[in-house]
C-alpha atoms as a PDB file:
ATOM      1  CA  MET A   1      65.441 145.712 -13.371  1.00  0.00           C
ATOM      2  CA  ASP A   2      64.052 142.678 -15.203  1.00  0.00           C
ATOM      3  CA  GLU A   3      62.185 144.696 -17.829  1.00  0.00           C
ATOM      4  CA  VAL A   4      65.362 146.541 -18.841  1.00  0.00           C
ATOM      5  CA  LYS A   5      67.211 143.229 -19.074  1.00  0.00           C
ATOM      6  CA  TYR A   6      64.502 141.824 -21.358  1.00  0.00           C
ATOM      7  CA  ILE A   7      64.634 144.889 -23.637  1.00  0.00           C
ATOM      8  CA  VAL A   8      68.434 144.676 -23.866  1.00  0.00           C
ATOM      9  CA  GLU A   9      68.418 140.934 -24.580  1.00  0.00           C
ATOM     10  CA  GLU A  10      65.842 141.346 -27.351  1.00  0.00           C
ATOM     11  CA  ILE A  11      67.974 144.007 -29.047  1.00  0.00           C
ATOM     12  CA  LYS A  12      71.125 141.890 -28.653  1.00  0.00           C
ATOM     13  CA  LYS A  13      69.380 139.099 -30.560  1.00  0.00           C
ATOM     14  CA  GLY A  14      68.906 141.483 -33.496  1.00  0.00           C
ATOM     15  CA  ASN A  15      65.181 142.013 -32.948  1.00  0.00           C
ATOM     16  CA  PRO A  16      64.703 145.705 -32.119  1.00  0.00           C
ATOM     17  CA  ARG A  17      61.122 146.980 -32.125  1.00  0.00           C
ATOM     18  CA  PRO A  18      60.133 149.815 -34.474  1.00  0.00           C
ATOM     19  CA  LEU A  19      59.194 152.034 -31.506  1.00  0.00           C
ATOM     20  CA  TYR A  20      60.397 152.489 -27.933  1.00  0.00           C
ATOM     21  CA  PHE A  21      58.459 154.914 -25.747  1.00  0.00           C
ATOM     22  CA  LEU A  22      60.521 155.414 -22.572  1.00  0.00           C
ATOM     23  CA  MET A  23      58.809 157.466 -19.883  1.00  0.00           C
ATOM     24  CA  GLY A  24      58.885 158.070 -16.140  1.00  0.00           C
ATOM     25  CA  GLU A  25      60.330 159.979 -13.213  1.00  0.00           C
ATOM     26  CA  GLU A  26      63.688 158.165 -13.087  1.00  0.00           C
ATOM     27  CA  PRO A  27      65.866 159.213 -16.068  1.00  0.00           C
ATOM     28  CA  TYR A  28      68.645 156.665 -15.410  1.00  0.00           C
ATOM     29  CA  TYR A  29      66.977 153.703 -17.138  1.00  0.00           C
ATOM     30  CA  ILE A  30      65.584 155.868 -19.946  1.00  0.00           C
ATOM     31  CA  ASP A  31      69.121 157.024 -20.755  1.00  0.00           C
ATOM     32  CA  ARG A  32      70.512 153.526 -20.364  1.00  0.00           C
ATOM     33  CA  ILE A  33      68.081 151.976 -22.861  1.00  0.00           C
ATOM     34  CA  ALA A  34      68.401 154.857 -25.349  1.00  0.00           C
ATOM     35  CA  ASN A  35      72.204 154.740 -25.171  1.00  0.00           C
ATOM     36  CA  PHE A  36      72.228 150.962 -25.624  1.00  0.00           C
ATOM     37  CA  ILE A  37      70.094 151.281 -28.767  1.00  0.00           C
ATOM     38  CA  ALA A  38      72.341 154.071 -30.061  1.00  0.00           C
ATOM     39  CA  ASP A  39      75.451 151.948 -29.473  1.00  0.00           C
ATOM     40  CA  THR A  40      74.125 148.586 -30.659  1.00  0.00           C
ATOM     41  CA  VAL A  41      71.502 148.596 -33.424  1.00  0.00           C
ATOM     42  CA  LEU A  42      73.694 150.071 -36.199  1.00  0.00           C
ATOM     43  CA  THR A  43      77.323 149.492 -37.073  1.00  0.00           C
ATOM     44  CA  GLU A  44      79.719 152.437 -36.936  1.00  0.00           C
ATOM     45  CA  ALA A  45      79.677 152.612 -40.750  1.00  0.00           C
ATOM     46  CA  GLU A  46      75.859 152.748 -40.820  1.00  0.00           C
ATOM     47  CA  LYS A  47      75.496 155.428 -38.136  1.00  0.00           C
ATOM     48  CA  GLY A  48      76.769 158.285 -40.284  1.00  0.00           C
ATOM     49  CA  PHE A  49      73.691 158.360 -42.546  1.00  0.00           C
ATOM     50  CA  ASN A  50      71.170 156.415 -40.498  1.00  0.00           C
ATOM     51  CA  GLN A  51      71.312 157.557 -36.885  1.00  0.00           C
ATOM     52  CA  ILE A  52      69.933 160.895 -35.815  1.00  0.00           C
ATOM     53  CA  VAL A  53      69.263 162.516 -32.442  1.00  0.00           C
ATOM     54  CA  LEU A  54      66.597 165.213 -32.137  1.00  0.00           C
ATOM     55  CA  TYR A  55      65.545 167.277 -29.103  1.00  0.00           C
ATOM     56  CA  GLY A  56      61.928 167.876 -28.161  1.00  0.00           C
ATOM     57  CA  LYS A  57      62.519 171.573 -27.526  1.00  0.00           C
ATOM     58  CA  GLU A  58      63.853 172.110 -31.038  1.00  0.00           C
ATOM     59  CA  VAL A  59      61.479 170.049 -33.213  1.00  0.00           C
ATOM     60  CA  SER A  60      57.792 169.503 -33.888  1.00  0.00           C
ATOM     61  CA  ILE A  61      55.895 166.231 -34.210  1.00  0.00           C
ATOM     62  CA  GLU A  62      55.880 166.823 -37.980  1.00  0.00           C
ATOM     63  CA  ASP A  63      59.705 166.977 -37.992  1.00  0.00           C
ATOM     64  CA  ILE A  64      59.876 163.700 -36.078  1.00  0.00           C
ATOM     65  CA  LEU A  65      57.415 161.952 -38.387  1.00  0.00           C
ATOM     66  CA  THR A  66      59.253 163.162 -41.482  1.00  0.00           C
ATOM     67  CA  GLN A  67      62.501 161.741 -40.148  1.00  0.00           C
ATOM     68  CA  ALA A  68      60.911 158.494 -38.939  1.00  0.00           C
ATOM     69  CA  LYS A  69      59.198 157.792 -42.279  1.00  0.00           C
ATOM     70  CA  ARG A  70      62.271 158.172 -44.460  1.00  0.00           C
ATOM     71  CA  TYR A  71      64.107 155.090 -45.711  1.00  0.00           C
ATOM     72  CA  PRO A  72      67.595 154.153 -44.488  1.00  0.00           C
ATOM     73  CA  MET A  73      70.608 154.620 -46.763  1.00  0.00           C
ATOM     74  CA  MET A  74      72.701 151.519 -47.464  1.00  0.00           C
ATOM     75  CA  SER A  75      71.432 149.900 -44.280  1.00  0.00           C
ATOM     76  CA  GLU A  76      68.597 147.661 -43.172  1.00  0.00           C
ATOM     77  CA  ARG A  77      67.500 150.134 -40.514  1.00  0.00           C
ATOM     78  CA  GLN A  78      67.758 153.702 -39.295  1.00  0.00           C
ATOM     79  CA  VAL A  79      67.643 154.839 -35.649  1.00  0.00           C
ATOM     80  CA  VAL A  80      65.889 158.070 -34.639  1.00  0.00           C
ATOM     81  CA  ILE A  81      66.226 159.118 -30.986  1.00  0.00           C
ATOM     82  CA  ILE A  82      64.086 161.926 -29.571  1.00  0.00           C
ATOM     83  CA  LYS A  83      65.591 163.262 -26.357  1.00  0.00           C
ATOM     84  CA  GLU A  84      63.684 165.485 -23.898  1.00  0.00           C
ATOM     85  CA  ALA A  85      60.434 164.512 -25.645  1.00  0.00           C
ATOM     86  CA  GLN A  86      58.476 165.802 -22.643  1.00  0.00           C
ATOM     87  CA  GLN A  87      59.079 169.265 -24.127  1.00  0.00           C
ATOM     88  CA  LEU A  88      56.602 168.366 -26.854  1.00  0.00           C
ATOM     89  CA  SER A  89      53.893 168.455 -24.202  1.00  0.00           C
ATOM     90  CA  ARG A  90      50.342 167.951 -25.507  1.00  0.00           C
ATOM     91  CA  SER A  91      51.363 167.525 -29.132  1.00  0.00           C
ATOM     92  CA  ILE A  92      52.811 164.122 -28.226  1.00  0.00           C
ATOM     93  CA  GLU A  93      49.307 162.672 -28.781  1.00  0.00           C
ATOM     94  CA  GLN A  94      49.770 163.364 -32.504  1.00  0.00           C
ATOM     95  CA  LEU A  95      52.003 160.293 -32.665  1.00  0.00           C
ATOM     96  CA  VAL A  96      48.969 157.990 -32.527  1.00  0.00           C
ATOM     97  CA  ASN A  97      48.705 157.371 -36.285  1.00  0.00           C
ATOM     98  CA  TYR A  98      52.419 156.601 -36.571  1.00  0.00           C
ATOM     99  CA  VAL A  99      52.273 154.211 -33.591  1.00  0.00           C
ATOM    100  CA  GLU A 100      49.484 152.294 -35.309  1.00  0.00           C
ATOM    101  CA  ASN A 101      51.422 152.091 -38.566  1.00  0.00           C
ATOM    102  CA  PRO A 102      55.176 152.563 -37.899  1.00  0.00           C
ATOM    103  CA  GLN A 103      57.896 152.507 -40.535  1.00  0.00           C
ATOM    104  CA  PRO A 104      59.296 148.938 -40.216  1.00  0.00           C
ATOM    105  CA  SER A 105      62.839 149.998 -41.170  1.00  0.00           C
ATOM    106  CA  THR A 106      62.980 152.695 -38.442  1.00  0.00           C
ATOM    107  CA  VAL A 107      63.765 152.247 -34.764  1.00  0.00           C
ATOM    108  CA  LEU A 108      62.160 155.318 -33.172  1.00  0.00           C
ATOM    109  CA  VAL A 109      63.121 155.992 -29.544  1.00  0.00           C
ATOM    110  CA  ILE A 110      61.082 158.542 -27.563  1.00  0.00           C
ATOM    111  CA  CYS A 111      62.693 159.669 -24.286  1.00  0.00           C
ATOM    112  CA  TYR A 112      59.841 161.172 -22.257  1.00  0.00           C
ATOM    113  CA  LYS A 113      61.547 162.013 -18.959  1.00  0.00           C
ATOM    114  CA  TYR A 114      60.083 162.983 -15.575  1.00  0.00           C
ATOM    115  CA  LYS A 115      56.536 162.459 -16.856  1.00  0.00           C
ATOM    116  CA  LYS A 116      54.258 159.671 -17.996  1.00  0.00           C
ATOM    117  CA  LEU A 117      51.442 159.427 -20.506  1.00  0.00           C
ATOM    118  CA  ASP A 118      47.815 159.784 -19.512  1.00  0.00           C
ATOM    119  CA  LYS A 119      46.535 156.195 -19.482  1.00  0.00           C
ATOM    120  CA  ARG A 120      43.071 157.373 -20.497  1.00  0.00           C
ATOM    121  CA  LYS A 121      44.257 158.799 -23.802  1.00  0.00           C
ATOM    122  CA  LYS A 122      44.608 157.112 -27.159  1.00  0.00           C
ATOM    123  CA  LEU A 123      48.404 157.250 -27.466  1.00  0.00           C
ATOM    124  CA  TYR A 124      48.905 155.173 -24.316  1.00  0.00           C
ATOM    125  CA  LYS A 125      46.352 152.590 -25.440  1.00  0.00           C
ATOM    126  CA  SER A 126      47.820 152.476 -28.956  1.00  0.00           C
ATOM    127  CA  LEU A 127      51.314 151.818 -27.594  1.00  0.00           C
ATOM    128  CA  LEU A 128      50.002 148.882 -25.562  1.00  0.00           C
ATOM    129  CA  SER A 129      48.445 147.217 -28.590  1.00  0.00           C
ATOM    130  CA  ALA A 130      51.192 148.055 -31.119  1.00  0.00           C
ATOM    131  CA  ASN A 131      54.465 146.260 -31.839  1.00  0.00           C
ATOM    132  CA  ALA A 132      56.170 148.743 -29.532  1.00  0.00           C
ATOM    133  CA  VAL A 133      57.879 148.890 -26.157  1.00  0.00           C
ATOM    134  CA  LEU A 134      56.180 151.125 -23.593  1.00  0.00           C
ATOM    135  CA  PHE A 135      58.551 151.366 -20.635  1.00  0.00           C
ATOM    136  CA  GLU A 136      57.952 153.263 -17.399  1.00  0.00           C
ATOM    137  CA  SER A 137      61.017 154.103 -15.332  1.00  0.00           C
ATOM    138  CA  LYS A 138      59.751 154.565 -11.785  1.00  0.00           C
ATOM    139  CA  LYS A 139      61.539 156.592  -9.134  1.00  0.00           C
ATOM    140  CA  LEU A 140      63.022 154.424  -6.408  1.00  0.00           C
ATOM    141  CA  TYR A 141      62.264 155.175  -2.788  1.00  0.00           C
ATOM    142  CA  GLU A 142      65.234 155.920  -0.562  1.00  0.00           C
ATOM    143  CA  ASN A 143      64.960 152.534   1.141  1.00  0.00           C
ATOM    144  CA  GLN A 144      65.238 150.824  -2.280  1.00  0.00           C
ATOM    145  CA  VAL A 145      68.330 152.684  -3.497  1.00  0.00           C
ATOM    146  CA  THR A 146      70.853 150.996  -1.193  1.00  0.00           C
ATOM    147  CA  GLU A 147      69.706 147.616  -2.514  1.00  0.00           C
ATOM    148  CA  TRP A 148      69.973 148.962  -6.077  1.00  0.00           C
ATOM    149  CA  ILE A 149      73.587 150.018  -5.386  1.00  0.00           C
ATOM    150  CA  ARG A 150      74.376 146.557  -4.038  1.00  0.00           C
ATOM    151  CA  LYS A 151      72.897 144.808  -7.085  1.00  0.00           C
ATOM    152  CA  ILE A 152      74.629 147.114  -9.578  1.00  0.00           C
ATOM    153  CA  LEU A 153      78.006 146.534  -7.942  1.00  0.00           C
ATOM    154  CA  LYS A 154      77.465 142.782  -7.599  1.00  0.00           C
ATOM    155  CA  GLY A 155      76.893 142.543 -11.349  1.00  0.00           C
ATOM    156  CA  GLN A 156      80.205 144.339 -11.894  1.00  0.00           C
ATOM    157  CA  GLY A 157      82.272 142.225  -9.502  1.00  0.00           C
ATOM    158  CA  TYR A 158      82.169 144.415  -6.373  1.00  0.00           C
ATOM    159  CA  THR A 159      80.477 144.393  -2.986  1.00  0.00           C
ATOM    160  CA  ILE A 160      79.694 147.299  -0.654  1.00  0.00           C
ATOM    161  CA  SER A 161      79.180 147.567   3.090  1.00  0.00           C
ATOM    162  CA  HIS A 162      75.755 148.702   4.219  1.00  0.00           C
ATOM    163  CA  LYS A 163      77.100 151.856   5.839  1.00  0.00           C
ATOM    164  CA  ALA A 164      78.977 152.791   2.655  1.00  0.00           C
ATOM    165  CA  ALA A 165      75.796 152.402   0.583  1.00  0.00           C
ATOM    166  CA  VAL A 166      73.860 154.498   3.104  1.00  0.00           C
ATOM    167  CA  LEU A 167      76.546 157.199   2.973  1.00  0.00           C
ATOM    168  CA  LEU A 168      76.156 157.448  -0.796  1.00  0.00           C
ATOM    169  CA  VAL A 169      72.374 157.766  -0.577  1.00  0.00           C
ATOM    170  CA  GLU A 170      72.515 160.299   2.252  1.00  0.00           C
ATOM    171  CA  PHE A 171      75.016 162.428   0.319  1.00  0.00           C
ATOM    172  CA  LEU A 172      73.728 162.009  -3.251  1.00  0.00           C
ATOM    173  CA  GLY A 173      70.015 161.391  -2.698  1.00  0.00           C
ATOM    174  CA  THR A 174      68.045 159.015  -4.930  1.00  0.00           C
ATOM    175  CA  ASP A 175      69.396 160.275  -8.270  1.00  0.00           C
ATOM    176  CA  LEU A 176      70.571 156.987  -9.820  1.00  0.00           C
ATOM    177  CA  SER A 177      72.578 158.686 -12.583  1.00  0.00           C
ATOM    178  CA  ARG A 178      74.541 160.716 -10.052  1.00  0.00           C
ATOM    179  CA  ILE A 179      75.144 157.671  -7.856  1.00  0.00           C
ATOM    180  CA  ASN A 180      76.252 155.630 -10.864  1.00  0.00           C
ATOM    181  CA  ASN A 181      78.748 158.348 -11.851  1.00  0.00           C
ATOM    182  CA  GLU A 182      80.341 158.155  -8.393  1.00  0.00           C
ATOM    183  CA  LEU A 183      80.432 154.354  -8.528  1.00  0.00           C
ATOM    184  CA  GLU A 184      82.242 154.593 -11.872  1.00  0.00           C
ATOM    185  CA  LYS A 185      84.902 156.754 -10.188  1.00  0.00           C
ATOM    186  CA  LEU A 186      85.363 154.140  -7.471  1.00  0.00           C
ATOM    187  CA  LYS A 187      85.710 151.345 -10.027  1.00  0.00           C
ATOM    188  CA  LEU A 188      88.536 153.242 -11.721  1.00  0.00           C
ATOM    189  CA  VAL A 189      90.675 153.086  -8.590  1.00  0.00           C
ATOM    190  CA  LEU A 190      89.526 149.873  -6.891  1.00  0.00           C
ATOM    191  CA  PRO A 191      90.206 146.369  -8.281  1.00  0.00           C
ATOM    192  CA  LYS A 192      87.374 143.898  -8.789  1.00  0.00           C
ATOM    193  CA  ASN A 193      86.313 141.752  -5.825  1.00  0.00           C
ATOM    194  CA  THR A 194      86.848 144.745  -3.520  1.00  0.00           C
ATOM    195  CA  GLN A 195      84.294 145.495  -0.824  1.00  0.00           C
ATOM    196  CA  ILE A 196      83.648 149.225  -0.933  1.00  0.00           C
ATOM    197  CA  THR A 197      83.809 150.735   2.564  1.00  0.00           C
ATOM    198  CA  PRO A 198      83.087 154.159   4.093  1.00  0.00           C
ATOM    199  CA  GLU A 199      86.862 154.728   4.051  1.00  0.00           C
ATOM    200  CA  HIS A 200      86.933 154.261   0.254  1.00  0.00           C
ATOM    201  CA  ILE A 201      84.071 156.727  -0.131  1.00  0.00           C
ATOM    202  CA  GLU A 202      85.774 159.261   2.122  1.00  0.00           C
ATOM    203  CA  GLN A 203      89.073 158.933   0.246  1.00  0.00           C
ATOM    204  CA  HIS A 204      87.818 158.890  -3.357  1.00  0.00           C
ATOM    205  CA  ILE A 205      84.479 160.729  -3.302  1.00  0.00           C
ATOM    206  CA  GLY A 206      85.102 163.164  -0.471  1.00  0.00           C
ATOM    207  CA  ILE A 207      82.237 162.271   1.871  1.00  0.00           C
ATOM    208  CA  SER A 208      83.410 162.192   5.478  1.00  0.00           C
ATOM    209  CA  LYS A 209      82.561 158.831   7.033  1.00  0.00           C
ATOM    210  CA  ASP A 210      82.267 160.371  10.519  1.00  0.00           C
ATOM    211  CA  TYR A 211      81.016 163.898   9.906  1.00  0.00           C
ATOM    212  CA  ASN A 212      77.990 163.843   7.612  1.00  0.00           C
ATOM    213  CA  ASN A 213      74.235 164.335   7.769  1.00  0.00           C
ATOM    214  CA  PHE A 214      73.672 160.606   8.323  1.00  0.00           C
ATOM    215  CA  GLU A 215      75.793 160.684  11.495  1.00  0.00           C
ATOM    216  CA  LEU A 216      74.247 164.019  12.591  1.00  0.00           C
ATOM    217  CA  LYS A 217      70.729 162.604  12.304  1.00  0.00           C
ATOM    218  CA  LYS A 218      71.787 159.573  14.331  1.00  0.00           C
ATOM    219  CA  ALA A 219      73.485 161.702  17.029  1.00  0.00           C
ATOM    220  CA  ILE A 220      70.455 163.976  17.348  1.00  0.00           C
ATOM    221  CA  GLY A 221      68.137 160.955  17.526  1.00  0.00           C
ATOM    222  CA  GLU A 222      70.257 159.578  20.376  1.00  0.00           C
ATOM    223  CA  LYS A 223      70.546 163.031  22.016  1.00  0.00           C
ATOM    224  CA  ASP A 224      74.312 162.664  21.827  1.00  0.00           C
ATOM    225  CA  VAL A 225      75.148 166.348  22.328  1.00  0.00           C
ATOM    226  CA  LYS A 226      78.925 165.893  22.130  1.00  0.00           C
ATOM    227  CA  LYS A 227      78.863 164.014  18.802  1.00  0.00           C
ATOM    228  CA  ALA A 228      76.223 166.322  17.285  1.00  0.00           C
ATOM    229  CA  THR A 229      78.282 169.377  18.275  1.00  0.00           C
ATOM    230  CA  GLN A 230      81.435 167.903  16.700  1.00  0.00           C
ATOM    231  CA  ILE A 231      79.576 167.289  13.432  1.00  0.00           C
ATOM    232  CA  ILE A 232      78.024 170.770  13.396  1.00  0.00           C
ATOM    233  CA  ASN A 233      81.472 172.324  13.974  1.00  0.00           C
ATOM    234  CA  TYR A 234      82.813 170.253  11.067  1.00  0.00           C
ATOM    235  CA  PHE A 235      79.963 171.551   8.874  1.00  0.00           C
ATOM    236  CA  ILE A 236      80.803 175.124   9.895  1.00  0.00           C
ATOM    237  CA  ARG A 237      84.438 174.585   8.849  1.00  0.00           C
ATOM    238  CA  ASN A 238      83.411 172.945   5.556  1.00  0.00           C
ATOM    239  CA  PRO A 239      80.306 174.856   4.403  1.00  0.00           C
ATOM    240  CA  LYS A 240      80.638 174.081   0.677  1.00  0.00           C
ATOM    241  CA  ASP A 241      80.538 170.328   1.250  1.00  0.00           C
ATOM    242  CA  ASN A 242      77.717 170.569   3.789  1.00  0.00           C
ATOM    243  CA  PRO A 243      75.056 173.070   2.645  1.00  0.00           C
ATOM    244  CA  PHE A 244      72.655 174.180   5.373  1.00  0.00           C
ATOM    245  CA  VAL A 245      69.619 173.532   3.165  1.00  0.00           C
ATOM    246  CA  VAL A 246      70.573 169.851   2.822  1.00  0.00           C
ATOM    247  CA  THR A 247      70.984 169.429   6.583  1.00  0.00           C
ATOM    248  CA  VAL A 248      67.705 171.122   7.490  1.00  0.00           C
ATOM    249  CA  THR A 249      65.811 169.207   4.777  1.00  0.00           C
ATOM    250  CA  LEU A 250      67.140 165.838   5.935  1.00  0.00           C
ATOM    251  CA  LEU A 251      66.311 166.563   9.576  1.00  0.00           C
ATOM    252  CA  ASN A 252      62.830 167.741   8.619  1.00  0.00           C
ATOM    253  CA  THR A 253      62.275 164.434   6.812  1.00  0.00           C
ATOM    254  CA  PHE A 254      63.593 162.512   9.811  1.00  0.00           C
ATOM    255  CA  PHE A 255      61.301 164.204  12.329  1.00  0.00           C
ATOM    256  CA  SER A 256      58.328 163.995   9.959  1.00  0.00           C
ATOM    257  CA  GLN A 257      58.923 160.244   9.754  1.00  0.00           C
ATOM    258  CA  LEU A 258      59.284 160.150  13.534  1.00  0.00           C
ATOM    259  CA  LEU A 259      55.823 161.730  13.853  1.00  0.00           C
ATOM    260  CA  GLN A 260      54.531 159.050  11.521  1.00  0.00           C
ATOM    261  CA  TYR A 261      56.258 156.395  13.663  1.00  0.00           C
ATOM    262  CA  HIS A 262      54.480 157.690  16.764  1.00  0.00           C
ATOM    263  CA  GLY A 263      51.163 157.350  14.936  1.00  0.00           C
ATOM    264  CA  LEU A 264      51.686 153.688  14.036  1.00  0.00           C
ATOM    265  CA  LYS A 265      49.858 151.041  16.024  1.00  0.00           C
ATOM    266  CA  ASP A 266      52.223 148.290  14.918  1.00  0.00           C
ATOM    267  CA  HIS A 267      55.858 149.089  15.790  1.00  0.00           C
ATOM    268  CA  SER A 268      57.303 145.821  14.533  1.00  0.00           C
ATOM    269  CA  PRO A 269      60.459 146.404  12.439  1.00  0.00           C
ATOM    270  CA  LYS A 270      58.838 145.036   9.275  1.00  0.00           C
ATOM    271  CA  ASN A 271      55.783 147.298   9.558  1.00  0.00           C
ATOM    272  CA  VAL A 272      57.850 150.374  10.467  1.00  0.00           C
ATOM    273  CA  ALA A 273      60.169 149.862   7.481  1.00  0.00           C
ATOM    274  CA  SER A 274      57.175 149.457   5.160  1.00  0.00           C
ATOM    275  CA  ALA A 275      55.137 152.373   6.532  1.00  0.00           C
ATOM    276  CA  LEU A 276      58.040 154.840   6.658  1.00  0.00           C
ATOM    277  CA  ARG A 277      59.585 153.525   3.409  1.00  0.00           C
ATOM    278  CA  ILE A 278      62.966 153.150   5.034  1.00  0.00           C
ATOM    279  CA  ASN A 279      65.573 150.417   5.040  1.00  0.00           C
ATOM    280  CA  PRO A 280      65.044 148.023   7.979  1.00  0.00           C
ATOM    281  CA  TYR A 281      68.591 148.980   9.002  1.00  0.00           C
ATOM    282  CA  PHE A 282      67.217 152.339  10.256  1.00  0.00           C
ATOM    283  CA  VAL A 283      64.299 151.080  12.338  1.00  0.00           C
ATOM    284  CA  GLY A 284      66.447 151.039  15.479  1.00  0.00           C
ATOM    285  CA  GLU A 285      67.187 154.747  15.027  1.00  0.00           C
ATOM    286  CA  PHE A 286      63.483 155.563  15.080  1.00  0.00           C
ATOM    287  CA  GLN A 287      62.909 153.370  18.127  1.00  0.00           C
ATOM    288  CA  THR A 288      65.630 155.301  19.977  1.00  0.00           C
ATOM    289  CA  ALA A 289      64.475 158.716  18.736  1.00  0.00           C
ATOM    290  CA  ALA A 290      60.864 157.963  19.710  1.00  0.00           C
ATOM    291  CA  ARG A 291      61.990 157.479  23.317  1.00  0.00           C
ATOM    292  CA  ASN A 292      63.892 160.777  23.254  1.00  0.00           C
ATOM    293  CA  TYR A 293      61.329 162.857  21.359  1.00  0.00           C
ATOM    294  CA  PRO A 294      57.636 162.312  22.167  1.00  0.00           C
ATOM    295  CA  MET A 295      55.092 163.217  19.502  1.00  0.00           C
ATOM    296  CA  LYS A 296      54.537 166.753  20.798  1.00  0.00           C
ATOM    297  CA  ARG A 297      58.292 167.494  20.880  1.00  0.00           C
ATOM    298  CA  ALA A 298      58.820 166.061  17.385  1.00  0.00           C
ATOM    299  CA  SER A 299      56.058 168.353  16.113  1.00  0.00           C
ATOM    300  CA  GLN A 300      57.722 171.373  17.784  1.00  0.00           C
ATOM    301  CA  ILE A 301      61.061 170.499  16.174  1.00  0.00           C
ATOM    302  CA  ILE A 302      59.467 170.341  12.714  1.00  0.00           C
ATOM    303  CA  ALA A 303      58.180 173.908  13.277  1.00  0.00           C
ATOM    304  CA  ILE A 304      61.696 174.970  14.376  1.00  0.00           C
ATOM    305  CA  LEU A 305      63.263 173.420  11.259  1.00  0.00           C
ATOM    306  CA  ARG A 306      60.782 175.153   8.947  1.00  0.00           C
ATOM    307  CA  GLU A 307      61.543 178.481  10.613  1.00  0.00           C
ATOM    308  CA  LEU A 308      65.285 177.894  10.214  1.00  0.00           C
ATOM    309  CA  ASP A 309      64.805 176.854   6.598  1.00  0.00           C
ATOM    310  CA  LEU A 310      63.140 180.214   5.902  1.00  0.00           C
ATOM    311  CA  LYS A 311      65.934 182.045   7.725  1.00  0.00           C
ATOM    312  CA  GLY A 312      68.471 180.172   5.625  1.00  0.00           C
ATOM    313  CA  LYS A 313      66.726 181.527   2.542  1.00  0.00           C
ATOM    314  CA  GLY A 314      66.888 185.087   3.916  1.00  0.00           C
ATOM    315  CA  VAL A 315      63.260 185.309   5.056  1.00  0.00           C
ATOM    316  CA  GLY A 316      62.764 187.061   8.401  1.00  0.00           C
ATOM    317  CA  ALA A 317      66.477 187.289   9.157  1.00  0.00           C
ATOM    318  CA  SER A 318      69.186 189.756   8.279  1.00  0.00           C
ATOM    319  CA  ASN A 319      71.259 187.345   6.204  1.00  0.00           C
ATOM    320  CA  LEU A 320      72.487 185.263   9.123  1.00  0.00           C
ATOM    321  CA  PRO A 321      75.536 183.197   8.171  1.00  0.00           C
ATOM    322  CA  HIS A 322      74.877 179.484   7.959  1.00  0.00           C
ATOM    323  CA  SER A 323      77.339 178.912  10.790  1.00  0.00           C
ATOM    324  CA  GLU A 324      74.990 180.787  13.129  1.00  0.00           C
ATOM    325  CA  LEU A 325      71.969 178.956  11.760  1.00  0.00           C
ATOM    326  CA  LEU A 326      73.635 175.595  12.405  1.00  0.00           C
ATOM    327  CA  LYS A 327      74.391 176.587  15.995  1.00  0.00           C
ATOM    328  CA  GLU A 328      70.809 177.763  16.468  1.00  0.00           C
ATOM    329  CA  LEU A 329      69.521 174.508  14.970  1.00  0.00           C
ATOM    330  CA  LEU A 330      71.483 172.407  17.429  1.00  0.00           C
ATOM    331  CA  ALA A 331      70.607 174.568  20.428  1.00  0.00           C
ATOM    332  CA  LYS A 332      66.879 174.557  19.696  1.00  0.00           C
ATOM    333  CA  ILE A 333      66.643 170.831  19.003  1.00  0.00           C
ATOM    334  CA  LEU A 334      68.818 169.631  21.887  1.00  0.00           C
END
């Protein structure tokens, strides 16, 4: 992300701003910037007296202001990091006066995760006009995460096959911090210039390259009963690694997108990828599934999946084991 790169480069040059307000739904970049400031702005000798971390749940705005306004000890600057600042809720607006007149010797970092400021209110407008950094970390769509994985690895001297990247996203979702943790594990065991493959992921992360929700979705879309049955049987034998709720949620998303596909007038790959917010790699799967499941059938399957989801949560069923629910899922869809 170019904005993150600019923030990092500015700090590296020894020009940190007096205030960083880091907000948004994706915590990965908020943590990355905050950690970089914590590691970089002060020397190890200076950190003892001049670097403090506070948590929004445990402090008030008054506590933060008191800490931010104090002078550093035997150092040019102090760093004050407020984690989980979203816990401060409405009182966050009380920072306006400080934003307009910050302590020049303090680097105040506000980590406001999973939320963003109201653009109509004074704090947001003050941050835009002040000598501050207002950074919004936006959640990536699923079709953007595989490209993010590729770019992250390229910058670290690795490449990754498309299927391997898809496996990671299918298994870990769009949580960038979680994905990055798994990539760090791979880098510990694989030398640089390696292309990461599904086999590497199966061996070192534990995701089966042949029996996973990605392959199940594909088999169901193709109406490949034999392959779908093999995958379901694998899930039944390995329930901890393949929770029923994850399977039913992914299939519900797939058939909901298939309904959307049926409603599109333009079925060109570029338009489908854009409208469904999927990687162009998957457009072929929807073309195949659309031939096998007309709009009415796709709608019926969504109703089936919602019913099974409720059963999986113990609603309207006498605690059916997930093995039985998986068999029922396959039978009713195919």
